Amino acid sequence: MSACTLSVKVMGIGLRFVGVAVGEGNGGRGGRWQTFASAFVRSCRVGRVAGRLLVVLACGGPGRGSIIDNGCSCGHSALGGGVVGRPELVRARKRLGMSQEDAAEALLVTPTTLSRWERGAQDVRPVYRARIAQVFGVGGAEVERWLHCSDPVGTEVWPLPDFSDMSIAATVKAAAKLWRGELDLERRHLLGALPFVPAALDGWLSSWSYGAPAETAASQGSGQAVGLSDVQRINEMLQTFHTIDHQYGGGVVRPAVVDYLNTQVAPLLRGTYDDKVGSELLVAAVQMTLLAGWTAFDIGHHGQAQHYYGQALKLAKTADDPLAGARVLTTMSHQALHLNRSTYAVLLSRAAVDSARRAQASPRVMALMLTREARATAAQTQPARTGDGHAAKQVERLLGEAERAYGQGPNDRDPAWLVGHDEPQMYAEMGSPWRLLGKHDRAAGYAEQAVREFDVRRPRSAQLNRLAAANAYLGKGEVEQAVDTVRTAVPVAGRMSSPRLVESIRQFDKRLKPYESTVQVREFRAYLDRQLAS
């Protein structure tokens, strides 16, 4: 036992408390001084005292004291009792589902150092501030706000999915919280403004590959008894929503999807069901949550889409369904490619292939997964630009394997969701990797074939494939053909609620810069501005 003197002063306003407490072992650490300090901090919060908090702890005689000046308002002291010096830094880490050890490894520091940063006991050098911004996917100004101990802004309401508790109860609670958040207008706007956080994908992939699923998919909840007929209704509504999405865009169908998750799916998940029904119900929830994420992706809300994708992956893990997880992973890979995160796209697509193989997926499912891996690999290595022959052979091998698998035809093991990945969709998937290989004729052929099949029943897909064909023509130097192909897509884009389609047209327009002095490009740009402005 040792006596400690604790001196706490709020700088700038002359307030000073001094107390003595008895500690246990190691200079009083873990002793009653923490209780005293926490009580002081709580009194500061209640009394709305503001200022810089100076803590002097002297234990065990002269020369053994320590001084902590964390520069925070006293309501966020680094002292005990669960009070944290830099709460927003802690919340940012938890939103990624990262432990202190995980975050420290990503930031290239020790867990002890990170702990000191979070407690406000140690300053963060500029090089590590930049590293925090990179790992957490935010700007430098946001990092500075975290480190200077601003009052919390309630971001803990939107943590990224946490895979630490895979029980049915925890998974259902987290999913329902995410869905319910969009019912409030202010929270919906907050969700829509969330950033895409690449660092979260590492933890999700690790949890998917190595984590343990729930012990059972059965539930004895407080809601109604659930049967397979209830699950069937979800799947039927899913197909209806997909049809609307294809015809009119994600912006039109998204409110209906989110409402259905809240009013129909969530109550069922809180009900009572056996293991068989539970597994089917969770997988149905996976598909509906995935669609909600997809519609957010289509309207350009990428952080929001990522939250839904992560939640869908957790639902698939809880259900212990590798095939459902494979579909989520390959969809996440598609988003990563769209955001020019090709390294993550490769990791996600390979994990999808591994999961599909583990599930002994049907040949046509494997064809989809392999094509997505080929596209991600081609985007990462850029064989046509770099001349990387090894990468080109790898992409061609994946495409050849995918074509052979697809050629085996339909199978009674094809999941219901595969109906959306029919032959025209396969053509669409094939075009992009062939273009990145520099095989522009082949890429244009696949894209044009998809356009012919999609033109009436899937207008958004038709326009996206027109853009794919136009990019292939541009790669061949056929500027006039490229511009004429895209011109057809512009009026449809103006009528649909799909900012992703409009963004893709704008991206094509940027690729016309080397040809901007030509008459065709000048006329196209004038036409584009008129159409999209109206």
Protein backbone atom coordinates (compact mmCIF):
# COMPACT_ATOMS: atom_id res chain seq x y z
CA MET A 1 0.00 0.00 0.00
CA SER A 2 1.25 3.50 -0.78
CA ALA A 3 -0.12 6.97 -0.36
CA CYS A 4 -0.68 9.15 -3.41
CA THR A 5 -1.36 12.84 -3.65
CA LEU A 6 -3.56 13.81 -6.56
CA SER A 7 -3.66 17.44 -7.63
CA VAL A 8 -6.17 18.40 -10.31
CA LYS A 9 -6.31 21.92 -11.70
CA VAL A 10 -8.51 23.36 -14.43
CA MET A 11 -6.16 25.76 -16.14
CA GLY A 12 -7.31 29.24 -16.96
CA ILE A 13 -10.04 29.60 -14.35
CA GLY A 14 -8.08 29.02 -11.13
CA LEU A 15 -10.04 26.03 -9.92
CA ARG A 16 -7.92 23.52 -8.02
CA PHE A 17 -8.72 20.35 -6.07
CA VAL A 18 -6.19 18.44 -4.00
CA GLY A 19 -6.84 15.06 -2.44
CA VAL A 20 -5.04 12.11 -0.93
CA ALA A 21 -5.92 8.50 -1.70
CA VAL A 22 -4.44 5.17 -0.80
CA GLY A 23 -3.28 3.06 -3.74
CA GLU A 24 -2.44 -0.59 -4.07
CA GLY A 25 0.83 -1.69 -5.59
CA ASN A 26 2.97 -0.04 -8.28
CA GLY A 27 2.80 3.46 -6.96
CA GLY A 28 -0.93 3.49 -6.37
CA ARG A 29 -2.03 2.49 -9.90
CA GLY A 30 -5.37 0.79 -9.85
CA GLY A 31 -6.07 2.22 -6.40
CA ARG A 32 -8.68 4.52 -4.99
CA TRP A 33 -7.18 7.65 -6.49
CA GLN A 34 -9.04 6.79 -9.68
CA THR A 35 -12.33 6.93 -7.83
CA PHE A 36 -11.47 10.38 -6.50
CA ALA A 37 -10.38 11.59 -9.94
CA SER A 38 -13.45 10.23 -11.67
CA ALA A 39 -15.69 11.92 -9.12
CA PHE A 40 -13.96 15.21 -9.82
CA VAL A 41 -14.39 14.74 -13.55
CA ARG A 42 -18.09 14.00 -13.13
CA SER A 43 -18.50 17.13 -11.06
CA CYS A 44 -16.84 19.13 -13.82
CA ARG A 45 -19.26 17.72 -16.37
CA VAL A 46 -22.32 18.41 -14.24
CA GLY A 47 -21.15 21.93 -13.44
CA ARG A 48 -20.21 22.57 -17.07
CA VAL A 49 -16.69 23.56 -16.05
CA ALA A 50 -14.47 24.18 -19.06
CA GLY A 51 -10.73 24.52 -19.36
CA ARG A 52 -7.49 22.58 -19.72
CA LEU A 53 -7.15 19.79 -17.21
CA LEU A 54 -3.82 19.41 -15.42
CA VAL A 55 -3.37 16.26 -13.36
CA VAL A 56 -0.41 15.74 -11.05
CA LEU A 57 -0.12 12.32 -9.43
CA ALA A 58 2.65 11.88 -6.86
CA CYS A 59 3.12 8.39 -5.47
CA GLY A 60 5.76 6.75 -3.32
CA GLY A 61 7.84 9.76 -2.38
CA PRO A 62 9.82 12.47 -4.19
CA GLY A 63 10.87 11.90 -7.78
CA ARG A 64 8.21 9.28 -8.48
CA GLY A 65 5.40 11.54 -9.56
CA SER A 66 3.96 11.99 -13.05
CA ILE A 67 2.27 14.87 -14.79
CA ILE A 68 -0.48 14.48 -17.34
CA ASP A 69 -1.64 17.51 -19.29
CA ASN A 70 -3.96 16.27 -21.96
CA GLY A 71 -5.27 19.58 -23.19
CA CYS A 72 -8.88 18.44 -23.03
CA SER A 73 -11.94 19.84 -21.37
CA CYS A 74 -12.28 18.23 -17.97
CA GLY A 75 -15.37 16.35 -19.07
CA HIS A 76 -13.14 14.15 -21.25
CA SER A 77 -10.22 13.48 -18.94
CA ALA A 78 -7.91 10.53 -19.47
CA LEU A 79 -8.59 9.34 -15.93
CA GLY A 80 -10.31 6.16 -14.83
CA GLY A 81 -13.96 5.27 -14.55
CA GLY A 82 -14.43 4.81 -18.31
CA VAL A 83 -13.75 8.45 -19.17
CA VAL A 84 -11.63 8.79 -22.31
CA GLY A 85 -9.27 11.59 -23.27
CA ARG A 86 -9.98 11.51 -27.02
CA PRO A 87 -13.43 9.95 -27.36
CA GLU A 88 -13.78 10.63 -31.08
CA LEU A 89 -10.51 8.82 -31.84
CA VAL A 90 -11.79 5.82 -29.91
CA ARG A 91 -15.14 5.93 -31.67
CA ALA A 92 -13.46 6.17 -35.06
CA ARG A 93 -11.55 2.99 -34.29
CA LYS A 94 -14.64 1.19 -33.05
CA ARG A 95 -16.62 2.22 -36.12
CA LEU A 96 -14.12 0.16 -38.10
CA GLY A 97 -14.65 -2.80 -35.79
CA MET A 98 -10.97 -2.67 -34.83
CA SER A 99 -9.43 -3.55 -31.50
CA GLN A 100 -6.56 -1.44 -30.19
CA GLU A 101 -4.19 -4.16 -31.36
CA ASP A 102 -5.67 -4.16 -34.88
CA ALA A 103 -5.54 -0.38 -35.17
CA ALA A 104 -2.02 -0.19 -33.75
CA GLU A 105 -0.80 -2.70 -36.33
CA ALA A 106 -2.41 -0.73 -39.17
CA LEU A 107 -0.92 2.52 -37.85
CA LEU A 108 2.54 0.95 -37.40
CA VAL A 109 2.73 1.70 -33.66
CA THR A 110 2.51 -0.39 -30.50
CA PRO A 111 -0.82 -0.92 -28.72
CA THR A 112 0.67 0.96 -25.77
CA THR A 113 1.30 4.01 -27.92
CA LEU A 114 -2.20 3.92 -29.35
CA SER A 115 -3.63 3.59 -25.85
CA ARG A 116 -1.72 6.70 -24.80
CA TRP A 117 -3.04 8.58 -27.81
CA GLU A 118 -6.61 7.62 -27.00
CA ARG A 119 -6.22 8.58 -23.33
CA GLY A 120 -4.74 11.92 -24.32
CA ALA A 121 -1.54 11.09 -22.44
CA GLN A 122 0.74 11.43 -25.48
CA ASP A 123 0.87 13.76 -28.43
CA VAL A 124 0.59 12.39 -31.98
CA ARG A 125 3.38 13.35 -34.35
CA PRO A 126 2.43 14.74 -37.80
CA VAL A 127 3.58 11.61 -39.63
CA TYR A 128 1.18 9.51 -37.57
CA ARG A 129 -1.64 12.01 -37.96
CA ALA A 130 -1.33 11.50 -41.70
CA ARG A 131 -1.29 7.76 -41.14
CA ILE A 132 -4.48 7.94 -39.05
CA ALA A 133 -6.20 9.85 -41.86
CA GLN A 134 -5.13 7.21 -44.37
CA VAL A 135 -6.10 4.18 -42.31
CA PHE A 136 -9.42 5.62 -41.09
CA GLY A 137 -10.33 7.04 -44.49
CA VAL A 138 -10.88 10.66 -43.42
CA GLY A 139 -9.36 14.07 -44.05
CA GLY A 140 -6.66 15.71 -41.98
CA ALA A 141 -9.08 18.23 -40.48
CA GLU A 142 -11.20 15.41 -39.07
CA VAL A 143 -8.14 13.84 -37.43
CA GLU A 144 -7.24 17.17 -35.84
CA ARG A 145 -10.77 17.43 -34.45
CA TRP A 146 -10.46 13.96 -32.91
CA LEU A 147 -7.09 14.75 -31.34
CA HIS A 148 -8.07 18.10 -29.89
CA CYS A 149 -10.85 16.53 -27.88
CA SER A 150 -13.92 18.21 -29.30
CA ASP A 151 -17.20 17.24 -27.72
CA PRO A 152 -18.54 13.98 -29.10
CA VAL A 153 -20.91 14.36 -32.05
CA GLY A 154 -22.86 11.15 -31.62
CA THR A 155 -21.11 9.20 -34.37
CA GLU A 156 -21.24 6.11 -32.20
CA VAL A 157 -24.81 5.74 -33.42
CA TRP A 158 -23.38 4.56 -36.75
CA PRO A 159 -20.69 1.99 -35.98
CA LEU A 160 -19.62 -0.18 -38.87
CA PRO A 161 -20.77 -3.80 -38.39
CA ASP A 162 -19.03 -5.52 -35.51
CA PHE A 163 -18.20 -9.21 -36.00
CA SER A 164 -17.13 -9.80 -32.40
CA ASP A 165 -20.54 -11.17 -31.36
CA MET A 166 -22.06 -13.50 -33.95
CA SER A 167 -25.08 -14.57 -31.91
CA ILE A 168 -28.53 -14.33 -33.48
CA ALA A 169 -29.62 -11.75 -30.91
CA ALA A 170 -26.62 -9.44 -31.48
CA THR A 171 -26.77 -9.75 -35.27
CA VAL A 172 -30.50 -9.04 -35.43
CA LYS A 173 -30.18 -6.08 -33.06
CA ALA A 174 -27.39 -4.50 -35.13
CA ALA A 175 -29.18 -5.04 -38.43
CA ALA A 176 -32.46 -3.62 -37.14
CA LYS A 177 -30.63 -0.58 -35.75
CA LEU A 178 -29.13 0.15 -39.17
CA TRP A 179 -32.45 -0.25 -40.99
CA ARG A 180 -34.35 1.78 -38.38
CA GLY A 181 -31.88 4.64 -38.69
CA GLU A 182 -33.28 5.64 -42.07
CA LEU A 183 -36.76 6.24 -40.72
CA ASP A 184 -35.60 9.52 -39.17
CA LEU A 185 -34.83 12.20 -41.77
CA GLU A 186 -31.82 13.64 -39.93
CA ARG A 187 -30.30 10.24 -39.34
CA ARG A 188 -30.98 9.26 -42.94
CA HIS A 189 -28.98 12.26 -44.11
CA LEU A 190 -26.18 11.35 -41.71
CA LEU A 191 -26.08 7.81 -43.08
CA GLY A 192 -26.10 9.07 -46.64
CA ALA A 193 -23.09 11.31 -45.94
CA LEU A 194 -20.94 8.60 -44.37
CA PRO A 195 -17.56 8.06 -46.04
CA PHE A 196 -16.42 4.80 -47.56
CA VAL A 197 -13.82 3.34 -45.16
CA PRO A 198 -11.41 0.95 -46.95
CA ALA A 199 -9.67 -0.08 -43.72
CA ALA A 200 -12.88 -1.72 -42.48
CA LEU A 201 -12.62 -4.34 -45.21
CA ASP A 202 -9.52 -5.96 -43.71
CA GLY A 203 -11.27 -6.78 -40.46
CA TRP A 204 -14.41 -7.99 -42.23
CA LEU A 205 -12.43 -10.31 -44.48
CA SER A 206 -10.56 -11.73 -41.52
CA SER A 207 -13.78 -12.25 -39.54
CA TRP A 208 -15.47 -13.86 -42.53
CA SER A 209 -12.58 -16.24 -43.19
CA TYR A 210 -11.59 -17.16 -39.65
CA GLY A 211 -14.41 -16.18 -37.31
CA ALA A 212 -16.92 -18.63 -35.87
CA PRO A 213 -20.58 -18.42 -36.92
CA ALA A 214 -23.49 -18.54 -34.50
CA GLU A 215 -23.93 -21.88 -32.75
CA THR A 216 -27.47 -22.11 -34.09
CA ALA A 217 -29.76 -20.15 -36.39
CA ALA A 218 -32.76 -20.92 -34.16
CA SER A 219 -34.36 -18.18 -32.10
CA GLN A 220 -36.82 -18.00 -29.22
CA GLY A 221 -37.62 -14.34 -29.71
CA SER A 222 -40.50 -12.25 -28.49
CA GLY A 223 -42.16 -12.01 -31.90
CA GLN A 224 -44.37 -14.28 -33.94
CA ALA A 225 -43.72 -17.88 -34.92
CA VAL A 226 -41.97 -17.85 -38.32
CA GLY A 227 -42.25 -20.47 -41.04
CA LEU A 228 -40.83 -21.07 -44.51
CA SER A 229 -43.87 -19.38 -46.07
CA ASP A 230 -42.79 -16.11 -44.40
CA VAL A 231 -39.35 -16.50 -45.92
CA GLN A 232 -40.89 -17.16 -49.33
CA ARG A 233 -42.77 -13.85 -49.16
CA ILE A 234 -39.51 -12.00 -48.56
CA ASN A 235 -37.94 -13.66 -51.59
CA GLU A 236 -40.94 -12.80 -53.78
CA MET A 237 -40.78 -9.15 -52.73
CA LEU A 238 -37.05 -9.19 -53.41
CA GLN A 239 -37.68 -10.09 -57.05
CA THR A 240 -40.28 -7.33 -57.35
CA PHE A 241 -37.86 -4.76 -55.96
CA HIS A 242 -35.12 -5.95 -58.33
CA THR A 243 -37.44 -5.44 -61.30
CA ILE A 244 -38.22 -1.86 -60.23
CA ASP A 245 -34.52 -1.19 -59.64
CA HIS A 246 -33.61 -2.35 -63.16
CA GLN A 247 -36.35 -0.26 -64.74
CA TYR A 248 -36.16 3.00 -62.82
CA GLY A 249 -32.96 3.05 -60.75
CA GLY A 250 -32.02 2.72 -57.11
CA GLY A 251 -33.35 6.11 -56.09
CA VAL A 252 -36.93 5.07 -56.87
CA VAL A 253 -37.02 1.70 -55.15
CA ARG A 254 -34.74 2.35 -52.19
CA PRO A 255 -37.37 3.84 -49.80
CA ALA A 256 -39.61 0.82 -50.36
CA VAL A 257 -36.76 -1.62 -49.70
CA VAL A 258 -35.77 0.08 -46.43
CA ASP A 259 -39.39 0.28 -45.30
CA TYR A 260 -39.84 -3.44 -46.01
CA LEU A 261 -36.74 -4.27 -43.98
CA ASN A 262 -38.13 -2.32 -41.03
CA THR A 263 -41.76 -3.35 -41.14
CA GLN A 264 -41.53 -6.94 -42.38
CA VAL A 265 -38.05 -8.44 -42.11
CA ALA A 266 -37.03 -7.07 -38.70
CA PRO A 267 -40.17 -8.35 -36.87
CA LEU A 268 -39.64 -11.81 -38.40
CA LEU A 269 -36.02 -11.88 -37.28
CA ARG A 270 -37.17 -11.08 -33.75
CA GLY A 271 -39.62 -13.97 -33.84
CA THR A 272 -39.43 -17.65 -32.94
CA TYR A 273 -38.08 -20.19 -35.44
CA ASP A 274 -36.10 -23.41 -35.62
CA ASP A 275 -32.64 -23.84 -37.10
CA LYS A 276 -33.83 -24.65 -40.64
CA VAL A 277 -36.23 -21.72 -40.86
CA GLY A 278 -33.67 -19.47 -39.17
CA SER A 279 -31.02 -20.27 -41.77
CA GLU A 280 -33.43 -19.55 -44.64
CA LEU A 281 -34.68 -16.37 -42.94
CA LEU A 282 -31.18 -15.03 -42.36
CA VAL A 283 -30.22 -15.67 -45.99
CA ALA A 284 -33.38 -13.87 -47.17
CA ALA A 285 -32.40 -10.97 -44.90
CA VAL A 286 -28.92 -11.07 -46.47
CA GLN A 287 -30.38 -10.62 -49.96
CA MET A 288 -32.75 -7.81 -48.96
CA THR A 289 -30.00 -5.99 -47.03
CA LEU A 290 -27.69 -6.42 -50.00
CA LEU A 291 -30.30 -4.81 -52.25
CA ALA A 292 -30.61 -1.89 -49.85
CA GLY A 293 -26.83 -1.48 -50.05
CA TRP A 294 -26.92 -1.77 -53.83
CA THR A 295 -29.53 0.98 -54.16
CA ALA A 296 -27.41 3.23 -51.91
CA PHE A 297 -24.45 2.47 -54.18
CA ASP A 298 -26.52 3.36 -57.25
CA ILE A 299 -27.37 6.80 -55.85
CA GLY A 300 -23.75 7.49 -54.88
CA HIS A 301 -23.98 6.97 -51.09
CA HIS A 302 -20.94 4.75 -50.82
CA GLY A 303 -20.39 4.85 -47.07
CA GLN A 304 -24.04 3.98 -46.53
CA ALA A 305 -23.79 1.15 -49.06
CA GLN A 306 -20.71 -0.16 -47.26
CA HIS A 307 -22.60 -0.30 -43.96
CA TYR A 308 -25.34 -2.37 -45.58
CA TYR A 309 -22.86 -4.65 -47.32
CA GLY A 310 -21.02 -5.23 -44.06
CA GLN A 311 -24.27 -6.00 -42.28
CA ALA A 312 -25.26 -8.41 -45.06
CA LEU A 313 -21.91 -10.17 -44.68
CA LYS A 314 -22.45 -10.49 -40.93
CA LEU A 315 -25.92 -11.96 -41.49
CA ALA A 316 -24.40 -14.49 -43.91
CA LYS A 317 -21.71 -15.38 -41.38
CA THR A 318 -24.26 -15.80 -38.61
CA ALA A 319 -26.25 -18.10 -40.89
CA ASP A 320 -23.03 -19.98 -41.73
CA ASP A 321 -23.91 -19.74 -45.44
CA PRO A 322 -20.75 -19.41 -47.57
CA LEU A 323 -22.74 -19.07 -50.80
CA ALA A 324 -24.66 -16.06 -49.51
CA GLY A 325 -21.40 -14.63 -48.24
CA ALA A 326 -19.78 -15.15 -51.63
CA ARG A 327 -22.47 -13.05 -53.25
CA VAL A 328 -21.97 -10.26 -50.72
CA LEU A 329 -18.20 -10.34 -51.17
CA THR A 330 -18.38 -10.17 -54.94
CA THR A 331 -20.80 -7.21 -54.68
CA MET A 332 -18.38 -5.47 -52.32
CA SER A 333 -15.63 -6.13 -54.86
CA HIS A 334 -17.76 -4.39 -57.50
CA GLN A 335 -18.06 -1.31 -55.28
CA ALA A 336 -14.33 -1.29 -54.54
CA LEU A 337 -13.60 -1.31 -58.28
CA HIS A 338 -16.03 1.54 -58.85
CA LEU A 339 -14.15 3.56 -56.22
CA ASN A 340 -10.74 2.71 -57.74
CA ARG A 341 -9.77 0.48 -54.82
CA SER A 342 -8.49 -2.33 -57.01
CA THR A 343 -6.30 -3.94 -54.33
CA TYR A 344 -9.32 -4.42 -52.08
CA ALA A 345 -11.38 -5.52 -55.08
CA VAL A 346 -8.90 -8.34 -55.70
CA LEU A 347 -8.95 -9.44 -52.06
CA LEU A 348 -12.75 -9.39 -51.94
CA SER A 349 -13.20 -11.20 -55.25
CA ARG A 350 -10.74 -13.93 -54.28
CA ALA A 351 -12.50 -14.39 -50.96
CA ALA A 352 -15.77 -14.69 -52.91
CA VAL A 353 -14.29 -17.40 -55.13
CA ASP A 354 -12.95 -19.30 -52.11
CA SER A 355 -16.33 -19.09 -50.37
CA ALA A 356 -18.19 -20.26 -53.47
CA ARG A 357 -15.87 -23.24 -53.81
CA ARG A 358 -16.32 -24.05 -50.13
CA ALA A 359 -20.07 -24.06 -50.73
CA GLN A 360 -19.62 -26.32 -53.78
CA ALA A 361 -21.39 -23.67 -55.85
CA SER A 362 -22.95 -24.47 -59.20
CA PRO A 363 -20.88 -23.87 -62.37
CA ARG A 364 -22.73 -20.68 -63.28
CA VAL A 365 -22.19 -19.21 -59.82
CA MET A 366 -18.48 -20.00 -60.20
CA ALA A 367 -18.51 -18.33 -63.60
CA LEU A 368 -19.75 -15.09 -62.06
CA MET A 369 -17.20 -15.19 -59.25
CA LEU A 370 -14.29 -15.96 -61.56
CA THR A 371 -15.26 -13.19 -63.97
CA ARG A 372 -15.33 -10.68 -61.11
CA GLU A 373 -11.88 -11.86 -59.99
CA ALA A 374 -10.62 -11.46 -63.57
CA ARG A 375 -11.97 -7.92 -63.73
CA ALA A 376 -10.44 -6.95 -60.38
CA THR A 377 -7.08 -8.47 -61.32
CA ALA A 378 -7.08 -6.66 -64.67
CA ALA A 379 -7.96 -3.36 -62.98
CA GLN A 380 -5.15 -3.77 -60.46
CA THR A 381 -2.44 -4.81 -62.94
CA GLN A 382 -3.57 -2.87 -66.07
CA PRO A 383 -1.90 -5.32 -68.52
CA ALA A 384 -2.65 -3.27 -71.65
CA ARG A 385 -0.92 -0.21 -70.20
CA THR A 386 1.94 -1.86 -68.30
CA GLY A 387 2.69 -4.72 -70.68
CA ASP A 388 2.57 -7.16 -67.76
CA GLY A 389 2.41 -10.48 -69.61
CA HIS A 390 2.14 -12.59 -66.47
CA ALA A 391 -0.90 -10.62 -65.27
CA ALA A 392 -2.45 -10.84 -68.76
CA LYS A 393 -2.14 -14.64 -68.73
CA GLN A 394 -3.67 -14.77 -65.25
CA VAL A 395 -6.67 -12.71 -66.36
CA GLU A 396 -7.11 -14.78 -69.52
CA ARG A 397 -6.94 -17.99 -67.49
CA LEU A 398 -9.69 -16.75 -65.16
CA LEU A 399 -11.87 -15.69 -68.08
CA GLY A 400 -11.35 -19.03 -69.84
CA GLU A 401 -12.27 -20.90 -66.66
CA ALA A 402 -15.37 -18.73 -66.26
CA GLU A 403 -16.51 -19.35 -69.85
CA ARG A 404 -16.09 -23.10 -69.48
CA ALA A 405 -18.02 -23.09 -66.22
CA TYR A 406 -20.85 -21.04 -67.69
CA GLY A 407 -20.98 -23.33 -70.70
CA GLN A 408 -22.00 -26.23 -68.47
CA GLY A 409 -25.47 -24.71 -68.34
CA PRO A 410 -28.08 -24.31 -65.59
CA ASN A 411 -27.99 -26.52 -62.54
CA ASP A 412 -30.49 -27.49 -59.87
CA ARG A 413 -28.06 -26.01 -57.34
CA ASP A 414 -28.34 -22.53 -58.88
CA PRO A 415 -29.58 -20.15 -56.15
CA ALA A 416 -32.66 -18.02 -56.79
CA TRP A 417 -30.62 -14.81 -56.99
CA LEU A 418 -28.67 -16.15 -59.97
CA VAL A 419 -31.65 -15.35 -62.19
CA GLY A 420 -30.28 -11.82 -62.43
CA HIS A 421 -26.95 -13.13 -63.73
CA ASP A 422 -28.14 -14.62 -66.98
CA GLU A 423 -26.31 -14.85 -70.30
CA PRO A 424 -26.54 -11.12 -71.15
CA GLN A 425 -25.14 -10.29 -67.71
CA MET A 426 -22.30 -12.70 -68.38
CA TYR A 427 -21.52 -10.81 -71.59
CA ALA A 428 -21.56 -7.58 -69.62
CA GLU A 429 -19.18 -8.97 -67.00
CA MET A 430 -16.75 -10.23 -69.65
CA GLY A 431 -16.35 -6.96 -71.53
CA SER A 432 -14.43 -4.94 -68.95
CA PRO A 433 -11.52 -7.35 -68.34
CA TRP A 434 -11.02 -7.86 -72.08
CA ARG A 435 -10.81 -4.08 -72.54
CA LEU A 436 -8.22 -3.85 -69.76
CA LEU A 437 -6.28 -6.56 -71.61
CA GLY A 438 -6.27 -4.31 -74.67
CA LYS A 439 -8.60 -6.62 -76.63
CA HIS A 440 -10.96 -3.82 -77.59
CA ASP A 441 -12.79 -5.61 -80.40
CA ARG A 442 -13.69 -8.47 -78.12
CA ALA A 443 -14.72 -6.09 -75.32
CA ALA A 444 -16.96 -4.09 -77.66
CA GLY A 445 -18.55 -7.28 -78.98
CA TYR A 446 -19.50 -8.49 -75.51
CA ALA A 447 -20.87 -5.09 -74.53
CA GLU A 448 -22.95 -4.66 -77.70
CA GLN A 449 -24.38 -8.15 -77.27
CA ALA A 450 -25.43 -7.28 -73.72
CA VAL A 451 -27.04 -4.03 -74.93
CA ARG A 452 -29.21 -5.90 -77.42
CA GLU A 453 -30.47 -8.24 -74.70
CA PHE A 454 -30.93 -5.57 -72.03
CA ASP A 455 -32.41 -2.70 -74.02
CA VAL A 456 -36.06 -3.24 -73.08
CA ARG A 457 -36.12 -5.14 -69.79
CA ARG A 458 -33.07 -3.61 -68.06
CA PRO A 459 -32.62 -0.08 -69.38
CA ARG A 460 -29.98 0.96 -66.84
CA SER A 461 -27.84 -2.08 -67.60
CA ALA A 462 -28.25 -1.40 -71.32
CA GLN A 463 -26.89 2.13 -70.93
CA LEU A 464 -23.99 1.02 -68.74
CA ASN A 465 -23.04 -1.49 -71.43
CA ARG A 466 -23.30 1.17 -74.10
CA LEU A 467 -20.73 3.06 -72.07
CA ALA A 468 -18.58 -0.08 -71.87
CA ALA A 469 -18.77 -0.45 -75.65
CA ALA A 470 -17.95 3.24 -76.12
CA ASN A 471 -14.87 2.92 -73.91
CA ALA A 472 -13.73 -0.02 -76.03
CA TYR A 473 -14.23 2.01 -79.21
CA LEU A 474 -12.30 4.87 -77.66
CA GLY A 475 -9.49 2.43 -76.88
CA LYS A 476 -9.36 1.62 -80.59
CA GLY A 477 -9.24 5.31 -81.45
CA GLU A 478 -12.73 5.29 -82.99
CA VAL A 479 -13.86 8.54 -81.39
CA GLU A 480 -16.92 9.14 -83.55
CA GLN A 481 -18.25 5.62 -82.93
CA ALA A 482 -17.64 6.01 -79.20
CA VAL A 483 -19.44 9.35 -78.98
CA ASP A 484 -22.42 8.14 -81.05
CA THR A 485 -22.77 5.09 -78.81
CA VAL A 486 -22.90 7.15 -75.62
CA ARG A 487 -25.25 9.74 -77.11
CA THR A 488 -27.98 7.10 -77.15
CA ALA A 489 -27.55 6.50 -73.42
CA VAL A 490 -27.83 10.14 -72.33
CA PRO A 491 -31.63 10.65 -72.54
CA VAL A 492 -32.28 7.43 -70.60
CA ALA A 493 -29.83 8.51 -67.88
CA GLY A 494 -31.73 11.77 -67.53
CA ARG A 495 -34.99 9.90 -66.91
CA MET A 496 -33.69 7.34 -64.41
CA SER A 497 -32.98 7.81 -60.71
CA SER A 498 -29.45 6.45 -61.00
CA PRO A 499 -26.69 8.96 -60.26
CA ARG A 500 -24.23 6.11 -60.86
CA LEU A 501 -25.25 6.04 -64.52
CA VAL A 502 -24.89 9.81 -64.84
CA GLU A 503 -21.50 9.63 -63.12
CA SER A 504 -20.36 6.96 -65.58
CA ILE A 505 -21.30 9.22 -68.49
CA ARG A 506 -19.37 12.08 -66.90
CA GLN A 507 -16.35 9.79 -66.51
CA PHE A 508 -16.54 8.91 -70.19
CA ASP A 509 -16.68 12.61 -70.99
CA LYS A 510 -13.40 13.11 -69.10
CA ARG A 511 -11.74 10.44 -71.25
CA LEU A 512 -12.54 12.57 -74.31
CA LYS A 513 -10.05 15.25 -73.24
CA PRO A 514 -7.38 14.23 -75.80
CA TYR A 515 -10.00 14.70 -78.53
CA GLU A 516 -11.78 17.79 -77.20
CA SER A 517 -10.78 19.93 -80.18
CA THR A 518 -12.70 17.70 -82.63
CA VAL A 519 -16.13 18.68 -83.90
CA GLN A 520 -17.70 15.42 -82.73
CA VAL A 521 -16.60 15.92 -79.13
CA ARG A 522 -17.57 19.59 -78.98
CA GLU A 523 -21.05 18.78 -80.29
CA PHE A 524 -21.42 15.84 -77.91
CA ARG A 525 -20.46 17.93 -74.89
CA ALA A 526 -22.96 20.62 -75.81
CA TYR A 527 -25.64 17.96 -76.20
CA LEU A 528 -24.66 16.34 -72.90
CA ASP A 529 -24.87 19.60 -70.98
CA ARG A 530 -28.32 20.38 -72.40
CA GLN A 531 -29.71 16.92 -71.68
CA LEU A 532 -28.41 16.55 -68.13
CA ALA A 533 -29.27 20.12 -67.21
CA SER A 534 -32.89 19.54 -68.21
